[in-house]
PDB file of N, CA and C in Angstrom:
ATOM      1  N   ILE A   1     -81.645 123.023 -60.665  1.00  0.00           N
ATOM      2  CA  ILE A   1     -80.360 122.409 -61.581  1.00  0.00           C
ATOM      3  C   ILE A   1     -81.147 121.402 -62.254  1.00  0.00           C
ATOM      4  N   PRO A   2     -80.369 121.076 -63.649  1.00  0.00           N
ATOM      5  CA  PRO A   2     -81.292 121.056 -64.572  1.00  0.00           C
ATOM      6  C   PRO A   2     -82.031 119.744 -65.046  1.00  0.00           C
ATOM      7  N   LEU A   3     -82.540 119.148 -64.167  1.00  0.00           N
ATOM      8  CA  LEU A   3     -83.041 117.474 -63.984  1.00  0.00           C
ATOM      9  C   LEU A   3     -83.998 117.438 -64.815  1.00  0.00           C
ATOM     10  N   ALA A   4     -84.627 118.372 -65.632  1.00  0.00           N
ATOM     11  CA  ALA A   4     -86.429 118.515 -65.945  1.00  0.00           C
ATOM     12  C   ALA A   4     -85.956 117.254 -67.188  1.00  0.00           C
ATOM     13  N   TYR A   5     -84.650 118.126 -67.873  1.00  0.00           N
ATOM     14  CA  TYR A   5     -84.467 117.038 -69.528  1.00  0.00           C
ATOM     15  C   TYR A   5     -83.584 116.021 -69.008  1.00  0.00           C
ATOM     16  N   THR A   6     -82.550 116.027 -68.248  1.00  0.00           N
ATOM     17  CA  THR A   6     -82.269 114.720 -68.185  1.00  0.00           C
ATOM     18  C   THR A   6     -81.981 113.863 -67.252  1.00  0.00           C
ATOM     19  N   SER A   7     -82.592 113.646 -67.069  1.00  0.00           N
ATOM     20  CA  SER A   7     -83.238 112.534 -66.573  1.00  0.00           C
ATOM     21  C   SER A   7     -82.777 111.038 -66.918  1.00  0.00           C
ATOM     22  N   TRP A   8     -83.289 110.857 -68.237  1.00  0.00           N
ATOM     23  CA  TRP A   8     -83.174 109.399 -68.995  1.00  0.00           C
ATOM     24  C   TRP A   8     -81.755 109.511 -69.286  1.00  0.00           C
ATOM     25  N   VAL A   9     -80.574 110.430 -69.084  1.00  0.00           N
ATOM     26  CA  VAL A   9     -79.727 109.597 -69.587  1.00  0.00           C
ATOM     27  C   VAL A   9     -78.823 109.244 -68.802  1.00  0.00           C
ATOM     28  N   LEU A  10     -79.193 109.253 -67.757  1.00  0.00           N
ATOM     29  CA  LEU A  10     -77.940 108.677 -66.647  1.00  0.00           C
ATOM     30  C   LEU A  10     -78.180 107.477 -66.740  1.00  0.00           C
ATOM     31  N   PHE A  11     -79.576 107.058 -67.509  1.00  0.00           N
ATOM     32  CA  PHE A  11     -80.440 105.529 -67.127  1.00  0.00           C
ATOM     33  C   PHE A  11     -80.000 104.673 -69.099  1.00  0.00           C
ATOM     34  N   PHE A  12     -79.658 105.546 -69.880  1.00  0.00           N
ATOM     35  CA  PHE A  12     -79.520 104.765 -71.426  1.00  0.00           C
ATOM     36  C   PHE A  12     -79.032 103.721 -71.754  1.00  0.00           C
ATOM     37  N   SER A  13     -78.186 103.315 -71.096  1.00  0.00           N
ATOM     38  CA  SER A  13     -77.205 102.224 -70.932  1.00  0.00           C
ATOM     39  C   SER A  13     -78.312 101.081 -70.800  1.00  0.00           C
ATOM     40  N   LEU A  14     -78.835 101.862 -69.677  1.00  0.00           N
ATOM     41  CA  LEU A  14     -79.572 100.153 -69.572  1.00  0.00           C
ATOM     42  C   LEU A  14     -81.046  99.498 -70.320  1.00  0.00           C
ATOM     43  N   GLY A  15     -81.124 100.511 -71.688  1.00  0.00           N
ATOM     44  CA  GLY A  15     -81.934  99.980 -72.564  1.00  0.00           C
ATOM     45  C   GLY A  15     -81.339  99.347 -73.592  1.00  0.00           C
ATOM     46  N   HIS A  16     -81.692  99.306 -74.844  1.00  0.00           N
ATOM     47  CA  HIS A  16     -81.396  98.840 -76.104  1.00  0.00           C
ATOM     48  C   HIS A  16     -79.916  99.832 -76.219  1.00  0.00           C
ATOM     49  N   ALA A  17     -78.875  99.134 -76.862  1.00  0.00           N
ATOM     50  CA  ALA A  17     -77.621  99.803 -77.526  1.00  0.00           C
ATOM     51  C   ALA A  17     -77.968 101.044 -78.650  1.00  0.00           C
ATOM     52  N   SER A  18     -79.006 100.997 -79.096  1.00  0.00           N
ATOM     53  CA  SER A  18     -79.377 102.040 -79.831  1.00  0.00           C
ATOM     54  C   SER A  18     -79.100 103.427 -79.233  1.00  0.00           C
ATOM     55  N   TRP A  19     -79.396 103.510 -78.234  1.00  0.00           N
ATOM     56  CA  TRP A  19     -79.681 104.774 -77.288  1.00  0.00           C
ATOM     57  C   TRP A  19     -78.034 105.567 -77.443  1.00  0.00           C
ATOM     58  N   ALA A  20     -77.428 104.779 -76.743  1.00  0.00           N
ATOM     59  CA  ALA A  20     -75.945 104.937 -76.838  1.00  0.00           C
ATOM     60  C   ALA A  20     -75.506 105.456 -78.333  1.00  0.00           C
ATOM     61  N   ASN A  21     -75.827 104.187 -78.961  1.00  0.00           N
ATOM     62  CA  ASN A  21     -75.277 104.974 -80.279  1.00  0.00           C
ATOM     63  C   ASN A  21     -75.748 106.141 -80.849  1.00  0.00           C
ATOM     64  N   MET A  22     -77.600 106.387 -80.759  1.00  0.00           N
ATOM     65  CA  MET A  22     -77.591 107.645 -81.346  1.00  0.00           C
ATOM     66  C   MET A  22     -77.401 109.289 -80.133  1.00  0.00           C
ATOM     67  N   LEU A  23     -77.109 108.811 -78.923  1.00  0.00           N
ATOM     68  CA  LEU A  23     -76.523 109.919 -78.102  1.00  0.00           C
ATOM     69  C   LEU A  23     -74.694 109.997 -78.654  1.00  0.00           C
ATOM     70  N   TYR A  24     -74.184 108.987 -78.655  1.00  0.00           N
ATOM     71  CA  TYR A  24     -72.668 109.139 -78.454  1.00  0.00           C
ATOM     72  C   TYR A  24     -72.240 108.866 -80.027  1.00  0.00           C
ATOM     73  N   GLY A  25     -73.129 108.551 -80.656  1.00  0.00           N
ATOM     74  CA  GLY A  25     -72.436 107.994 -82.166  1.00  0.00           C
ATOM     75  C   GLY A  25     -71.278 106.748 -81.914  1.00  0.00           C
ATOM     76  N   PHE A  26     -71.702 105.707 -81.287  1.00  0.00           N
ATOM     77  CA  PHE A  26     -70.522 104.756 -81.243  1.00  0.00           C
ATOM     78  C   PHE A  26     -71.722 103.666 -80.044  1.00  0.00           C
ATOM     79  N   GLY A  27     -71.751 102.293 -80.031  1.00  0.00           N
ATOM     80  CA  GLY A  27     -72.524 101.633 -79.395  1.00  0.00           C
ATOM     81  C   GLY A  27     -71.935 100.756 -78.498  1.00  0.00           C
ATOM     82  N   PHE A  28     -72.491 100.285 -77.486  1.00  0.00           N
ATOM     83  CA  PHE A  28     -71.434  99.312 -76.749  1.00  0.00           C
ATOM     84  C   PHE A  28     -71.159  98.489 -76.757  1.00  0.00           C
ATOM     85  N   GLU A  29     -70.799  98.160 -78.210  1.00  0.00           N
ATOM     86  CA  GLU A  29     -70.248  96.601 -78.784  1.00  0.00           C
ATOM     87  C   GLU A  29     -69.297  96.651 -79.235  1.00  0.00           C
ATOM     88  N   GLY A  30     -68.845  95.748 -79.537  1.00  0.00           N
ATOM     89  CA  GLY A  30     -67.139  95.857 -79.885  1.00  0.00           C
ATOM     90  C   GLY A  30     -66.101  96.317 -79.819  1.00  0.00           C
ATOM     91  N   ASN A  31     -65.249  97.386 -80.478  1.00  0.00           N
ATOM     92  CA  ASN A  31     -64.088  97.764 -80.073  1.00  0.00           C
ATOM     93  C   ASN A  31     -64.417  98.868 -78.894  1.00  0.00           C
ATOM     94  N   TYR A  32     -65.556  99.537 -79.277  1.00  0.00           N
ATOM     95  CA  TYR A  32     -65.903 100.889 -78.554  1.00  0.00           C
ATOM     96  C   TYR A  32     -66.538 100.610 -76.689  1.00  0.00           C
ATOM     97  N   LEU A  33     -67.000  99.430 -76.550  1.00  0.00           N
ATOM     98  CA  LEU A  33     -66.913  99.022 -75.373  1.00  0.00           C
ATOM     99  C   LEU A  33     -66.620  99.681 -73.858  1.00  0.00           C
ATOM    100  N   PRO A  34     -64.909  99.983 -74.642  1.00  0.00           N
ATOM    101  CA  PRO A  34     -64.166 100.590 -72.817  1.00  0.00           C
ATOM    102  C   PRO A  34     -64.432 101.512 -73.034  1.00  0.00           C
ATOM    103  N   LEU A  35     -64.380 102.577 -74.167  1.00  0.00           N
ATOM    104  CA  LEU A  35     -64.681 103.779 -74.241  1.00  0.00           C
ATOM    105  C   LEU A  35     -66.666 104.035 -74.082  1.00  0.00           C
ATOM    106  N   GLY A  36     -66.895 103.576 -74.245  1.00  0.00           N
ATOM    107  CA  GLY A  36     -68.706 103.585 -73.530  1.00  0.00           C
ATOM    108  C   GLY A  36     -68.358 103.998 -72.076  1.00  0.00           C
ATOM    109  N   ILE A  37     -68.226 102.592 -71.692  1.00  0.00           N
ATOM    110  CA  ILE A  37     -68.374 101.882 -70.549  1.00  0.00           C
ATOM    111  C   ILE A  37     -67.487 103.115 -69.396  1.00  0.00           C
ATOM    112  N   LEU A  38     -66.069 103.795 -69.890  1.00  0.00           N
ATOM    113  CA  LEU A  38     -65.329 104.773 -68.850  1.00  0.00           C
ATOM    114  C   LEU A  38     -66.486 106.410 -69.133  1.00  0.00           C
ATOM    115  N   LEU A  39     -66.587 106.752 -70.399  1.00  0.00           N
ATOM    116  CA  LEU A  39     -67.574 107.675 -70.504  1.00  0.00           C
ATOM    117  C   LEU A  39     -68.853 107.864 -69.776  1.00  0.00           C
ATOM    118  N   THR A  40     -69.245 106.682 -69.089  1.00  0.00           N
ATOM    119  CA  THR A  40     -70.688 106.525 -68.425  1.00  0.00           C
ATOM    120  C   THR A  40     -69.762 106.737 -67.226  1.00  0.00           C
ATOM    121  N   VAL A  41     -69.262 106.377 -66.644  1.00  0.00           N
ATOM    122  CA  VAL A  41     -68.730 105.869 -65.490  1.00  0.00           C
ATOM    123  C   VAL A  41     -68.302 107.147 -65.376  1.00  0.00           C
ATOM    124  N   PHE A  42     -67.655 108.339 -65.599  1.00  0.00           N
ATOM    125  CA  PHE A  42     -67.457 109.688 -65.938  1.00  0.00           C
ATOM    126  C   PHE A  42     -68.574 110.786 -65.770  1.00  0.00           C
ATOM    127  N   GLU A  43     -69.610 110.418 -66.801  1.00  0.00           N
ATOM    128  CA  GLU A  43     -70.978 111.169 -66.629  1.00  0.00           C
ATOM    129  C   GLU A  43     -71.306 111.027 -65.015  1.00  0.00           C
ATOM    130  N   ILE A  44     -71.723 109.855 -64.880  1.00  0.00           N
ATOM    131  CA  ILE A  44     -72.540 109.629 -63.611  1.00  0.00           C
ATOM    132  C   ILE A  44     -71.625 109.909 -62.310  1.00  0.00           C
ATOM    133  N   ALA A  45     -69.599 110.195 -62.102  1.00  0.00           N
ATOM    134  CA  ALA A  45     -69.407 110.019 -61.039  1.00  0.00           C
ATOM    135  C   ALA A  45     -69.269 111.793 -61.068  1.00  0.00           C
ATOM    136  N   ALA A  46     -68.877 112.550 -62.178  1.00  0.00           N
ATOM    137  CA  ALA A  46     -69.556 114.163 -62.394  1.00  0.00           C
ATOM    138  C   ALA A  46     -71.022 114.519 -61.626  1.00  0.00           C
ATOM    139  N   PHE A  47     -71.985 114.151 -62.076  1.00  0.00           N
ATOM    140  CA  PHE A  47     -73.605 113.862 -61.509  1.00  0.00           C
ATOM    141  C   PHE A  47     -73.484 113.881 -59.904  1.00  0.00           C
ATOM    142  N   ILE A  48     -73.081 112.629 -59.789  1.00  0.00           N
ATOM    143  CA  ILE A  48     -72.731 112.516 -58.017  1.00  0.00           C
ATOM    144  C   ILE A  48     -72.203 113.539 -57.461  1.00  0.00           C
ATOM    145  N   GLY A  49     -71.029 113.270 -57.693  1.00  0.00           N
ATOM    146  CA  GLY A  49     -69.775 114.730 -57.095  1.00  0.00           C
ATOM    147  C   GLY A  49     -70.466 116.043 -57.020  1.00  0.00           C
ATOM    148  N   GLY A  50     -70.533 116.486 -58.302  1.00  0.00           N
ATOM    149  CA  GLY A  50     -71.616 117.668 -58.551  1.00  0.00           C
ATOM    150  C   GLY A  50     -73.185 117.949 -57.248  1.00  0.00           C
ATOM    151  N   LEU A  51     -73.021 116.851 -56.966  1.00  0.00           N
ATOM    152  CA  LEU A  51     -74.573 117.072 -56.290  1.00  0.00           C
ATOM    153  C   LEU A  51     -74.176 116.986 -55.140  1.00  0.00           C
ATOM    154  N   THR A  52     -73.219 116.146 -54.801  1.00  0.00           N
ATOM    155  CA  THR A  52     -73.111 115.898 -53.029  1.00  0.00           C
ATOM    156  C   THR A  52     -72.149 117.493 -52.870  1.00  0.00           C
ATOM    157  N   LEU A  53     -71.342 118.034 -54.111  1.00  0.00           N
ATOM    158  CA  LEU A  53     -70.893 119.647 -53.364  1.00  0.00           C
ATOM    159  C   LEU A  53     -71.806 120.462 -53.033  1.00  0.00           C
ATOM    160  N   PHE A  54     -72.949 120.057 -53.578  1.00  0.00           N
ATOM    161  CA  PHE A  54     -73.991 121.415 -54.336  1.00  0.00           C
ATOM    162  C   PHE A  54     -74.390 121.556 -52.666  1.00  0.00           C
ATOM    163  N   VAL A  55     -75.088 119.838 -51.919  1.00  0.00           N
ATOM    164  CA  VAL A  55     -75.647 119.437 -51.022  1.00  0.00           C
ATOM    165  C   VAL A  55     -74.504 119.928 -50.016  1.00  0.00           C
ATOM    166  N   TRP A  56     -73.334 119.606 -49.884  1.00  0.00           N
ATOM    167  CA  TRP A  56     -72.384 119.899 -48.936  1.00  0.00           C
ATOM    168  C   TRP A  56     -72.405 121.495 -48.409  1.00  0.00           C
ATOM    169  N   GLY A  57     -72.263 122.472 -49.642  1.00  0.00           N
ATOM    170  CA  GLY A  57     -72.005 123.849 -49.545  1.00  0.00           C
ATOM    171  C   GLY A  57     -73.407 123.811 -48.542  1.00  0.00           C
ATOM    172  N   PHE A  58     -74.402 123.510 -49.472  1.00  0.00           N
ATOM    173  CA  PHE A  58     -75.941 123.885 -49.210  1.00  0.00           C
ATOM    174  C   PHE A  58     -75.847 123.508 -47.266  1.00  0.00           C
ATOM    175  N   ILE A  59     -75.384 122.850 -47.021  1.00  0.00           N
ATOM    176  CA  ILE A  59     -75.747 122.682 -45.586  1.00  0.00           C
ATOM    177  C   ILE A  59     -74.910 123.244 -44.973  1.00  0.00           C
ATOM    178  N   GLN A  60     -73.330 123.895 -45.075  1.00  0.00           N
ATOM    179  CA  GLN A  60     -72.372 124.165 -44.412  1.00  0.00           C
ATOM    180  C   GLN A  60     -73.111 126.086 -44.484  1.00  0.00           C
ATOM    181  N   ILE A  61     -73.388 126.569 -45.671  1.00  0.00           N
ATOM    182  CA  ILE A  61     -74.362 127.949 -45.069  1.00  0.00           C
ATOM    183  C   ILE A  61     -75.596 127.758 -44.147  1.00  0.00           C
ATOM    184  N   VAL A  62     -76.450 126.728 -44.075  1.00  0.00           N
ATOM    185  CA  VAL A  62     -77.370 126.982 -43.443  1.00  0.00           C
ATOM    186  C   VAL A  62     -76.910 126.748 -41.569  1.00  0.00           C
ATOM    187  N   GLN A  63     -75.677 126.134 -41.660  1.00  0.00           N
ATOM    188  CA  GLN A  63     -74.921 125.727 -40.459  1.00  0.00           C
ATOM    189  C   GLN A  63     -74.650 127.317 -40.106  1.00  0.00           C
ATOM    190  N   ALA A  64     -73.775 127.731 -40.934  1.00  0.00           N
ATOM    191  CA  ALA A  64     -73.071 128.705 -40.382  1.00  0.00           C
ATOM    192  C   ALA A  64     -74.259 130.040 -40.127  1.00  0.00           C
ATOM    193  N   LYS A  65     -75.442 130.139 -40.642  1.00  0.00           N
ATOM    194  CA  LYS A  65     -76.249 130.857 -40.780  1.00  0.00           C
ATOM    195  C   LYS A  65     -77.006 130.540 -38.988  1.00  0.00           C
ATOM    196  N   LYS A  66     -77.246 129.135 -38.720  1.00  0.00           N
ATOM    197  CA  LYS A  66     -77.793 128.961 -37.596  1.00  0.00           C
ATOM    198  C   LYS A  66     -76.852 129.480 -36.461  1.00  0.00           C
ATOM    199  N   ASN A  67     -75.038 129.486 -36.817  1.00  0.00           N
ATOM    200  CA  ASN A  67     -74.171 129.548 -35.568  1.00  0.00           C
ATOM    201  C   ASN A  67     -74.117 131.131 -35.142  1.00  0.00           C
ATOM    202  N   ASN A  68     -74.907 132.066 -36.353  1.00  0.00           N
ATOM    203  CA  ASN A  68     -74.571 133.611 -36.597  1.00  0.00           C
ATOM    204  C   ASN A  68     -73.001 133.959 -36.929  1.00  0.00           C
ATOM    205  N   VAL A  69     -72.926 132.982 -37.569  1.00  0.00           N
ATOM    206  CA  VAL A  69     -71.452 133.138 -38.292  1.00  0.00           C
ATOM    207  C   VAL A  69     -71.685 133.870 -39.797  1.00  0.00           C
ATOM    208  N   HIS A  70     -70.454 135.327 -39.970  1.00  0.00           N
ATOM    209  CA  HIS A  70     -71.365 135.732 -41.076  1.00  0.00           C
ATOM    210  C   HIS A  70     -70.420 135.307 -42.634  1.00  0.00           C
ATOM    211  N   LEU A  71     -69.172 134.784 -42.656  1.00  0.00           N
ATOM    212  CA  LEU A  71     -68.589 133.771 -43.680  1.00  0.00           C
ATOM    213  C   LEU A  71     -68.159 132.328 -43.050  1.00  0.00           C
ATOM    214  N   ALA A  72     -68.761 131.530 -43.810  1.00  0.00           N
ATOM    215  CA  ALA A  72     -68.525 130.149 -44.102  1.00  0.00           C
ATOM    216  C   ALA A  72     -67.384 130.189 -44.273  1.00  0.00           C
ATOM    217  N   GLN A  73     -65.988 129.551 -43.688  1.00  0.00           N
ATOM    218  CA  GLN A  73     -64.644 129.053 -43.713  1.00  0.00           C
ATOM    219  C   GLN A  73     -64.725 127.449 -43.642  1.00  0.00           C
ATOM    220  N   THR A  74     -65.708 126.348 -43.113  1.00  0.00           N
ATOM    221  CA  THR A  74     -65.620 125.224 -43.019  1.00  0.00           C
ATOM    222  C   THR A  74     -66.412 124.345 -44.138  1.00  0.00           C
ATOM    223  N   GLY A  75     -65.591 123.143 -44.145  1.00  0.00           N
ATOM    224  CA  GLY A  75     -66.583 122.006 -44.907  1.00  0.00           C
ATOM    225  C   GLY A  75     -65.627 122.707 -46.960  1.00  0.00           C
ATOM    226  N   PRO A  76     -66.755 122.518 -47.749  1.00  0.00           N
ATOM    227  CA  PRO A  76     -66.101 122.927 -48.657  1.00  0.00           C
ATOM    228  C   PRO A  76     -65.862 124.190 -49.294  1.00  0.00           C
ATOM    229  N   TYR A  77     -66.452 125.232 -48.290  1.00  0.00           N
ATOM    230  CA  TYR A  77     -65.957 126.519 -48.624  1.00  0.00           C
ATOM    231  C   TYR A  77     -64.099 126.572 -47.851  1.00  0.00           C
ATOM    232  N   LYS A  78     -63.680 126.146 -46.956  1.00  0.00           N
ATOM    233  CA  LYS A  78     -62.286 125.982 -46.526  1.00  0.00           C
ATOM    234  C   LYS A  78     -61.695 126.009 -47.767  1.00  0.00           C
ATOM    235  N   TYR A  79     -61.748 124.742 -49.077  1.00  0.00           N
ATOM    236  CA  TYR A  79     -60.900 125.010 -50.411  1.00  0.00           C
ATOM    237  C   TYR A  79     -61.705 125.500 -51.864  1.00  0.00           C
ATOM    238  N   ILE A  80     -62.961 125.805 -51.801  1.00  0.00           N
ATOM    239  CA  ILE A  80     -63.219 126.631 -52.484  1.00  0.00           C
ATOM    240  C   ILE A  80     -64.297 127.601 -52.388  1.00  0.00           C
ATOM    241  N   ARG A  81     -64.367 128.971 -53.463  1.00  0.00           N
ATOM    242  CA  ARG A  81     -64.715 129.918 -52.801  1.00  0.00           C
ATOM    243  C   ARG A  81     -66.494 129.723 -52.942  1.00  0.00           C
ATOM    244  N   HIS A  82     -67.048 129.384 -54.110  1.00  0.00           N
ATOM    245  CA  HIS A  82     -68.112 128.935 -54.227  1.00  0.00           C
ATOM    246  C   HIS A  82     -68.394 127.546 -54.872  1.00  0.00           C
ATOM    247  N   PRO A  83     -68.540 126.438 -53.481  1.00  0.00           N
ATOM    248  CA  PRO A  83     -68.944 125.118 -54.132  1.00  0.00           C
ATOM    249  C   PRO A  83     -70.289 124.705 -54.589  1.00  0.00           C
ATOM    250  N   GLN A  84     -70.963 125.420 -54.811  1.00  0.00           N
ATOM    251  CA  GLN A  84     -72.616 125.167 -54.866  1.00  0.00           C
ATOM    252  C   GLN A  84     -72.302 126.061 -56.512  1.00  0.00           C
ATOM    253  N   HIS A  85     -71.546 126.699 -57.300  1.00  0.00           N
ATOM    254  CA  HIS A  85     -71.666 127.088 -58.292  1.00  0.00           C
ATOM    255  C   HIS A  85     -70.704 125.892 -58.699  1.00  0.00           C
ATOM    256  N   PHE A  86     -69.979 125.267 -58.773  1.00  0.00           N
ATOM    257  CA  PHE A  86     -68.804 124.185 -59.103  1.00  0.00           C
ATOM    258  C   PHE A  86     -69.677 122.886 -59.143  1.00  0.00           C
ATOM    259  N   GLY A  87     -70.148 122.649 -58.218  1.00  0.00           N
ATOM    260  CA  GLY A  87     -71.713 121.561 -57.886  1.00  0.00           C
ATOM    261  C   GLY A  87     -72.207 121.719 -59.276  1.00  0.00           C
ATOM    262  N   ILE A  88     -73.067 122.801 -59.539  1.00  0.00           N
ATOM    263  CA  ILE A  88     -74.006 122.948 -60.828  1.00  0.00           C
ATOM    264  C   ILE A  88     -73.166 122.666 -61.926  1.00  0.00           C
ATOM    265  N   ILE A  89     -71.860 123.055 -61.792  1.00  0.00           N
ATOM    266  CA  ILE A  89     -71.399 123.010 -63.401  1.00  0.00           C
ATOM    267  C   ILE A  89     -71.022 121.214 -63.608  1.00  0.00           C
ATOM    268  N   LEU A  90     -70.405 120.579 -62.368  1.00  0.00           N
ATOM    269  CA  LEU A  90     -70.485 119.025 -62.592  1.00  0.00           C
ATOM    270  C   LEU A  90     -71.228 118.613 -62.651  1.00  0.00           C
ATOM    271  N   ILE A  91     -72.751 119.020 -62.193  1.00  0.00           N
ATOM    272  CA  ILE A  91     -73.466 118.124 -62.328  1.00  0.00           C
ATOM    273  C   ILE A  91     -74.369 118.431 -63.779  1.00  0.00           C
ATOM    274  N   SER A  92     -73.972 119.487 -64.470  1.00  0.00           N
ATOM    275  CA  SER A  92     -74.832 119.961 -66.092  1.00  0.00           C
ATOM    276  C   SER A  92     -73.734 119.283 -66.913  1.00  0.00           C
ATOM    277  N   LEU A  93     -72.253 119.040 -66.739  1.00  0.00           N
ATOM    278  CA  LEU A  93     -71.000 118.885 -67.547  1.00  0.00           C
ATOM    279  C   LEU A  93     -71.461 117.781 -68.444  1.00  0.00           C
ATOM    280  N   PRO A  94     -71.804 116.266 -67.778  1.00  0.00           N
ATOM    281  CA  PRO A  94     -72.296 115.114 -68.691  1.00  0.00           C
ATOM    282  C   PRO A  94     -73.515 115.631 -69.459  1.00  0.00           C
ATOM    283  N   PHE A  95     -74.206 116.423 -69.329  1.00  0.00           N
ATOM    284  CA  PHE A  95     -75.536 116.764 -70.307  1.00  0.00           C
ATOM    285  C   PHE A  95     -75.303 117.564 -71.182  1.00  0.00           C
ATOM    286  N   VAL A  96     -74.737 118.595 -71.269  1.00  0.00           N
ATOM    287  CA  VAL A  96     -74.293 119.745 -71.951  1.00  0.00           C
ATOM    288  C   VAL A  96     -73.497 119.295 -73.096  1.00  0.00           C
ATOM    289  N   PHE A  97     -72.374 118.547 -72.789  1.00  0.00           N
ATOM    290  CA  PHE A  97     -71.549 117.852 -73.670  1.00  0.00           C
ATOM    291  C   PHE A  97     -71.426 116.642 -74.112  1.00  0.00           C
ATOM    292  N   PHE A  98     -71.537 115.959 -75.234  1.00  0.00           N
ATOM    293  CA  PHE A  98     -70.838 114.411 -75.304  1.00  0.00           C
ATOM    294  C   PHE A  98     -70.360 114.473 -76.550  1.00  0.00           C
ATOM    295  N   LEU A  99     -69.555 113.178 -76.381  1.00  0.00           N
ATOM    296  CA  LEU A  99     -68.771 113.037 -77.534  1.00  0.00           C
ATOM    297  C   LEU A  99     -69.269 111.878 -78.522  1.00  0.00           C
ATOM    298  N   GLN A 100     -68.853 112.115 -80.063  1.00  0.00           N
ATOM    299  CA  GLN A 100     -69.335 111.761 -80.546  1.00  0.00           C
ATOM    300  C   GLN A 100     -68.292 111.149 -81.931  1.00  0.00           C
ATOM    301  N   ALA A 101     -68.560 109.918 -82.671  1.00  0.00           N
ATOM    302  CA  ALA A 101     -67.676 109.662 -82.843  1.00  0.00           C
ATOM    303  C   ALA A 101     -67.760 109.982 -84.660  1.00  0.00           C
ATOM    304  N   GLY A 102     -66.796 110.889 -85.478  1.00  0.00           N
ATOM    305  CA  GLY A 102     -66.680 111.088 -86.781  1.00  0.00           C
ATOM    306  C   GLY A 102     -66.523 110.131 -87.483  1.00  0.00           C
ATOM    307  N   LEU A 103     -66.361 110.308 -89.057  1.00  0.00           N
ATOM    308  CA  LEU A 103     -66.541 109.458 -90.260  1.00  0.00           C
ATOM    309  C   LEU A 103     -65.291 108.476 -89.800  1.00  0.00           C
ATOM    310  N   ASN A 104     -63.907 109.405 -89.489  1.00  0.00           N
ATOM    311  CA  ASN A 104     -62.694 108.528 -89.420  1.00  0.00           C
ATOM    312  C   ASN A 104     -62.451 108.285 -87.710  1.00  0.00           C
ATOM    313  N   PHE A 105     -63.643 108.069 -87.157  1.00  0.00           N
ATOM    314  CA  PHE A 105     -63.574 108.044 -85.440  1.00  0.00           C
ATOM    315  C   PHE A 105     -62.562 108.539 -84.925  1.00  0.00           C
ATOM    316  N   SER A 106     -62.431 110.270 -84.984  1.00  0.00           N
ATOM    317  CA  SER A 106     -61.974 111.206 -84.415  1.00  0.00           C
ATOM    318  C   SER A 106     -63.207 111.360 -83.554  1.00  0.00           C
ATOM    319  N   ILE A 107     -63.061 112.117 -82.564  1.00  0.00           N
ATOM    320  CA  ILE A 107     -64.052 111.938 -81.054  1.00  0.00           C
ATOM    321  C   ILE A 107     -63.661 113.795 -81.387  1.00  0.00           C
ATOM    322  N   TYR A 108     -64.756 114.215 -80.929  1.00  0.00           N
ATOM    323  CA  TYR A 108     -64.955 115.839 -81.036  1.00  0.00           C
ATOM    324  C   TYR A 108     -66.488 116.539 -80.515  1.00  0.00           C
ATOM    325  N   ILE A 109     -66.349 117.271 -79.538  1.00  0.00           N
ATOM    326  CA  ILE A 109     -67.403 117.785 -78.511  1.00  0.00           C
ATOM    327  C   ILE A 109     -68.104 118.436 -79.374  1.00  0.00           C
ATOM    328  N   LYS A 110     -69.477 117.846 -79.028  1.00  0.00           N
ATOM    329  CA  LYS A 110     -70.977 118.588 -80.030  1.00  0.00           C
ATOM    330  C   LYS A 110     -71.637 119.465 -78.220  1.00  0.00           C
ATOM    331  N   ILE A 111     -72.663 120.196 -79.102  1.00  0.00           N
ATOM    332  CA  ILE A 111     -74.092 120.720 -77.795  1.00  0.00           C
ATOM    333  C   ILE A 111     -74.996 120.439 -78.245  1.00  0.00           C
ATOM    334  N   ARG A 112     -75.765 119.352 -77.554  1.00  0.00           N
ATOM    335  CA  ARG A 112     -77.382 119.068 -77.768  1.00  0.00           C
ATOM    336  C   ARG A 112     -78.059 120.335 -77.822  1.00  0.00           C
ATOM    337  N   ALA A 113     -78.892 120.403 -78.794  1.00  0.00           N
ATOM    338  CA  ALA A 113     -79.933 121.459 -78.553  1.00  0.00           C
ATOM    339  C   ALA A 113     -80.932 121.440 -77.801  1.00  0.00           C
ATOM    340  N   GLY A 114     -81.362 120.204 -77.436  1.00  0.00           N
ATOM    341  CA  GLY A 114     -82.031 120.010 -76.192  1.00  0.00           C
ATOM    342  C   GLY A 114     -81.972 120.454 -74.649  1.00  0.00           C
ATOM    343  N   ASP A 115     -80.543 120.427 -74.663  1.00  0.00           N
ATOM    344  CA  ASP A 115     -79.620 120.932 -73.398  1.00  0.00           C
ATOM    345  C   ASP A 115     -79.614 122.274 -72.909  1.00  0.00           C
ATOM    346  N   ILE A 116     -79.760 123.354 -74.527  1.00  0.00           N
ATOM    347  CA  ILE A 116     -80.111 124.533 -74.214  1.00  0.00           C
ATOM    348  C   ILE A 116     -81.402 124.713 -74.235  1.00  0.00           C
ATOM    349  N   LEU A 117     -82.080 124.237 -75.043  1.00  0.00           N
ATOM    350  CA  LEU A 117     -83.726 124.500 -74.348  1.00  0.00           C
ATOM    351  C   LEU A 117     -84.302 124.112 -72.759  1.00  0.00           C
ATOM    352  N   SER A 118     -83.241 123.459 -73.070  1.00  0.00           N
ATOM    353  CA  SER A 118     -83.856 122.885 -71.006  1.00  0.00           C
ATOM    354  C   SER A 118     -83.145 124.207 -70.057  1.00  0.00           C
ATOM    355  N   TRP A 119     -82.067 124.667 -70.480  1.00  0.00           N
ATOM    356  CA  TRP A 119     -81.904 125.565 -69.421  1.00  0.00           C
ATOM    357  C   TRP A 119     -82.192 126.700 -69.794  1.00  0.00           C
ATOM    358  N   VAL A 120     -83.154 127.198 -70.936  1.00  0.00           N
ATOM    359  CA  VAL A 120     -83.558 128.497 -71.249  1.00  0.00           C
ATOM    360  C   VAL A 120     -85.381 127.924 -70.416  1.00  0.00           C
ATOM    361  N   LEU A 121     -85.703 127.216 -70.355  1.00  0.00           N
ATOM    362  CA  LEU A 121     -86.899 126.737 -69.770  1.00  0.00           C
ATOM    363  C   LEU A 121     -87.078 126.394 -68.440  1.00  0.00           C
ATOM    364  N   PHE A 122     -86.287 125.937 -68.203  1.00  0.00           N
ATOM    365  CA  PHE A 122     -86.105 125.542 -66.545  1.00  0.00           C
ATOM    366  C   PHE A 122     -84.653 126.517 -65.554  1.00  0.00           C
TER     367      PHE A 122
END
């Protein structure tokens, strides 16, 4: 789980608005306020949803092993083949990509080098 590098990202909006400007290329004031709030809500929801799916899948595996069942077919395994893999993807999604406003205020996706370094080291 990539928590070593990304723990500050969830709480960047609690501090000074320059954090948001540095991270996303726009601030939380003026015309960009709704986009910044929407993006922050999406990131937090993806992180919490992924963590929930990961833990729920792990609990189902432990219960299946305890009950001597060889194939888990309940819980998230009823809908997804690998819920823990999907949970890790959801957890890392807000931290690998971020939106940055360009010169003409068009939005594009960019990868932060620190996240790649975090995945390599941890």
